[in-house]
C-alpha atoms as a PDB file:
ATOM      1  CA  MET A   1      -4.197  12.894  -2.380  1.00  0.00           C
ATOM      2  CA  ALA A   2      -5.310  11.983   1.236  1.00  0.00           C
ATOM      3  CA  LYS A   3      -7.180   9.051  -0.113  1.00  0.00           C
ATOM      4  CA  LYS A   4      -4.077   7.718  -1.892  1.00  0.00           C
ATOM      5  CA  ARG A   5      -1.950   8.123   1.488  1.00  0.00           C
ATOM      6  CA  GLU A   6      -4.730   6.321   3.392  1.00  0.00           C
ATOM      7  CA  LYS A   7      -4.678   3.359   1.086  1.00  0.00           C
ATOM      8  CA  LEU A   8      -0.767   3.230   1.427  1.00  0.00           C
ATOM      9  CA  LYS A   9      -1.174   3.269   5.074  1.00  0.00           C
ATOM     10  CA  ILE A  10      -3.361   0.516   5.009  1.00  0.00           C
ATOM     11  CA  ARG A  11      -1.009  -1.350   2.608  1.00  0.00           C
ATOM     12  CA  LEU A  12       1.816  -0.672   5.384  1.00  0.00           C
ATOM     13  CA  GLU A  13      -0.222  -2.124   8.172  1.00  0.00           C
ATOM     14  CA  ALA A  14      -1.180  -5.256   6.232  1.00  0.00           C
ATOM     15  CA  GLU A  15       2.495  -5.683   5.094  1.00  0.00           C
ATOM     16  CA  ARG A  16       3.541  -5.289   8.857  1.00  0.00           C
ATOM     17  CA  GLU A  17       0.962  -8.008   9.756  1.00  0.00           C
ATOM     18  CA  ARG A  18       2.446 -10.302   7.162  1.00  0.00           C
ATOM     19  CA  LEU A  19       5.909  -9.833   8.192  1.00  0.00           C
ATOM     20  CA  LEU A  20       4.884 -10.385  11.696  1.00  0.00           C
ATOM     21  CA  THR A  21       3.475 -13.421  10.920  1.00  0.00           C
ATOM     22  CA  GLU A  22       6.134 -14.861   8.642  1.00  0.00           C
ATOM     23  CA  LEU A  23       8.648 -13.783  11.457  1.00  0.00           C
ATOM     24  CA  SER A  24       6.745 -15.649  14.020  1.00  0.00           C
ATOM     25  CA  GLN A  25       6.730 -18.905  11.488  1.00  0.00           C
ATOM     26  CA  THR A  26      10.614 -18.503  11.015  1.00  0.00           C
ATOM     27  CA  ASN A  27      12.291 -21.062  12.895  1.00  0.00           C
ATOM     28  CA  VAL A  28      16.177 -20.580  13.155  1.00  0.00           C
ATOM     29  CA  VAL A  29      17.607 -23.152  15.331  1.00  0.00           C
ATOM     30  CA  GLU A  30      21.296 -23.298  16.083  1.00  0.00           C
ATOM     31  CA  ARG A  31      22.820 -26.955  15.796  1.00  0.00           C
ATOM     32  CA  GLU A  32      25.391 -26.962  19.085  1.00  0.00           C
ATOM     33  CA  ASN A  33      26.804 -30.234  17.388  1.00  0.00           C
ATOM     34  CA  LEU A  34      27.454 -28.792  13.671  1.00  0.00           C
ATOM     35  CA  GLY A  35      30.635 -30.618  12.500  1.00  0.00           C
ATOM     36  CA  TYR A  36      30.329 -33.657  14.704  1.00  0.00           C
ATOM     37  CA  GLY A  37      27.991 -35.539  12.345  1.00  0.00           C
ATOM     38  CA  ASN A  38      28.566 -38.853  10.225  1.00  0.00           C
ATOM     39  CA  HIS A  39      29.077 -37.117   7.005  1.00  0.00           C
ATOM     40  CA  MET A  40      30.854 -33.937   6.263  1.00  0.00           C
ATOM     41  CA  ALA A  41      28.171 -33.336   3.451  1.00  0.00           C
ATOM     42  CA  ASP A  42      25.194 -33.449   5.905  1.00  0.00           C
ATOM     43  CA  ASP A  43      27.221 -31.021   8.159  1.00  0.00           C
ATOM     44  CA  ALA A  44      27.840 -28.810   5.255  1.00  0.00           C
ATOM     45  CA  THR A  45      24.267 -28.907   3.867  1.00  0.00           C
ATOM     46  CA  GLU A  46      22.882 -28.342   7.623  1.00  0.00           C
ATOM     47  CA  ALA A  47      25.152 -25.208   7.804  1.00  0.00           C
ATOM     48  CA  PHE A  48      23.997 -23.933   4.617  1.00  0.00           C
ATOM     49  CA  GLU A  49      20.371 -24.197   5.673  1.00  0.00           C
ATOM     50  CA  GLN A  50      21.035 -22.477   8.911  1.00  0.00           C
ATOM     51  CA  ALA A  51      22.737 -19.577   7.048  1.00  0.00           C
ATOM     52  CA  LYS A  52      20.061 -19.302   4.668  1.00  0.00           C
ATOM     53  CA  ASP A  53      17.354 -19.146   7.746  1.00  0.00           C
ATOM     54  CA  LEU A  54      19.305 -16.700   9.453  1.00  0.00           C
ATOM     55  CA  ALA A  55      19.843 -14.470   6.434  1.00  0.00           C
ATOM     56  CA  LEU A  56      16.075 -14.914   5.462  1.00  0.00           C
ATOM     57  CA  ARG A  57      15.028 -13.904   8.901  1.00  0.00           C
ATOM     58  CA  GLN A  58      17.248 -10.969   9.186  1.00  0.00           C
ATOM     59  CA  ASN A  59      15.774  -9.423   6.163  1.00  0.00           C
ATOM     60  CA  LEU A  60      12.325  -9.908   7.349  1.00  0.00           C
ATOM     61  CA  GLU A  61      13.429  -8.103  10.254  1.00  0.00           C
ATOM     62  CA  ARG A  62      15.119  -5.187   8.357  1.00  0.00           C
ATOM     63  CA  LEU A  63      11.986  -4.961   6.268  1.00  0.00           C
ATOM     64  CA  LEU A  64       9.567  -4.950   9.222  1.00  0.00           C
ATOM     65  CA  GLU A  65      11.688  -2.122  10.567  1.00  0.00           C
ATOM     66  CA  LYS A  66      11.391  -0.194   7.400  1.00  0.00           C
ATOM     67  CA  VAL A  67       7.650  -0.709   7.218  1.00  0.00           C
ATOM     68  CA  GLU A  68       7.141   0.484  11.014  1.00  0.00           C
ATOM     69  CA  ASP A  69       9.491   3.615  10.268  1.00  0.00           C
ATOM     70  CA  ALA A  70       6.859   4.449   7.491  1.00  0.00           C
ATOM     71  CA  LEU A  71       3.988   4.195   9.803  1.00  0.00           C
ATOM     72  CA  GLU A  72       5.643   6.348  12.558  1.00  0.00           C
ATOM     73  CA  ARG A  73       6.265   8.765   9.573  1.00  0.00           C
ATOM     74  CA  PHE A  74       2.544   8.826   9.100  1.00  0.00           C
ATOM     75  CA  GLU A  75       1.805   9.592  12.823  1.00  0.00           C
ATOM     76  CA  THR A  76       4.453  12.503  12.904  1.00  0.00           C
ATOM     77  CA  GLY A  77       3.337  13.996   9.577  1.00  0.00           C
ATOM     78  CA  THR A  78       6.274  13.336   7.583  1.00  0.00           C
ATOM     79  CA  TYR A  79       5.489  10.569   5.630  1.00  0.00           C
ATOM     80  CA  GLY A  80       6.041  10.972   1.789  1.00  0.00           C
ATOM     81  CA  LEU A  81       8.771  13.701   2.661  1.00  0.00           C
ATOM     82  CA  CYS A  82      12.359  12.874   1.627  1.00  0.00           C
ATOM     83  CA  GLU A  83      14.577  12.576   4.573  1.00  0.00           C
ATOM     84  CA  GLN A  84      17.446  14.218   2.814  1.00  0.00           C
ATOM     85  CA  CYS A  85      16.014  17.263   0.971  1.00  0.00           C
ATOM     86  CA  GLY A  86      12.685  17.657   2.458  1.00  0.00           C
ATOM     87  CA  GLN A  87      10.870  17.612  -0.744  1.00  0.00           C
ATOM     88  CA  GLU A  88       7.880  15.522  -1.417  1.00  0.00           C
ATOM     89  CA  ILE A  89       8.551  11.811  -2.691  1.00  0.00           C
ATOM     90  CA  ASP A  90       6.596  11.273  -5.968  1.00  0.00           C
ATOM     91  CA  PRO A  91       3.504   9.288  -5.441  1.00  0.00           C
ATOM     92  CA  ALA A  92       4.383   6.684  -8.000  1.00  0.00           C
ATOM     93  CA  ARG A  93       7.352   5.929  -6.051  1.00  0.00           C
ATOM     94  CA  LEU A  94       5.572   5.687  -2.909  1.00  0.00           C
ATOM     95  CA  LYS A  95       3.183   3.402  -4.536  1.00  0.00           C
ATOM     96  CA  ALA A  96       5.766   1.179  -5.821  1.00  0.00           C
ATOM     97  CA  LEU A  97       7.765   1.310  -2.378  1.00  0.00           C
ATOM     98  CA  PRO A  98       5.580   2.598   0.378  1.00  0.00           C
ATOM     99  CA  TYR A  99       8.319   2.610   2.854  1.00  0.00           C
ATOM    100  CA  ALA A 100      10.691   4.975   0.858  1.00  0.00           C
ATOM    101  CA  THR A 101      12.518   7.539   2.452  1.00  0.00           C
ATOM    102  CA  LEU A 102      14.193   9.264  -0.292  1.00  0.00           C
ATOM    103  CA  CYS A 103      12.904  10.987  -3.445  1.00  0.00           C
ATOM    104  CA  LEU A 104      14.362   9.455  -6.784  1.00  0.00           C
ATOM    105  CA  SER A 105      17.273  12.249  -7.009  1.00  0.00           C
ATOM    106  CA  CYS A 106      18.353  11.793  -3.629  1.00  0.00           C
ATOM    107  CA  GLN A 107      18.219   8.167  -3.816  1.00  0.00           C
ATOM    108  CA  GLN A 108      20.394   8.122  -7.009  1.00  0.00           C
ATOM    109  CA  ARG A 109      22.785  10.254  -5.332  1.00  0.00           C
ATOM    110  CA  ARG A 110      23.225   8.047  -2.598  1.00  0.00           C
ATOM    111  CA  GLU A 111      23.678   5.156  -4.777  1.00  0.00           C
ATOM    112  CA  SER A 112      26.260   6.697  -7.115  1.00  0.00           C
ATOM    113  CA  ARG A 113      28.842   7.492  -4.134  1.00  0.00           C
END
């Protein structure tokens, strides 16, 4: 079991590095003159691209936060324990979603609310 957890930790560390690299390459530029171009369609395309880039960046930041939280739980010895009920999270769930914080039962209860 310790070997599997170590593999998960290595995966999480690699994912953190990938996300940090991707975030450093994400370039969200706010255009001050939006709406003052020659064509409304060009402005709409620019606004769409800016909103899309911002949404992608925010998603990367949220995912990075989850990964870093999981790595912190490794350090505190709480990795793999459900934050809701305290039971162990199924290893198959952690393999699929290494930053999971809830066991499947608690996750299903949360989603059904």
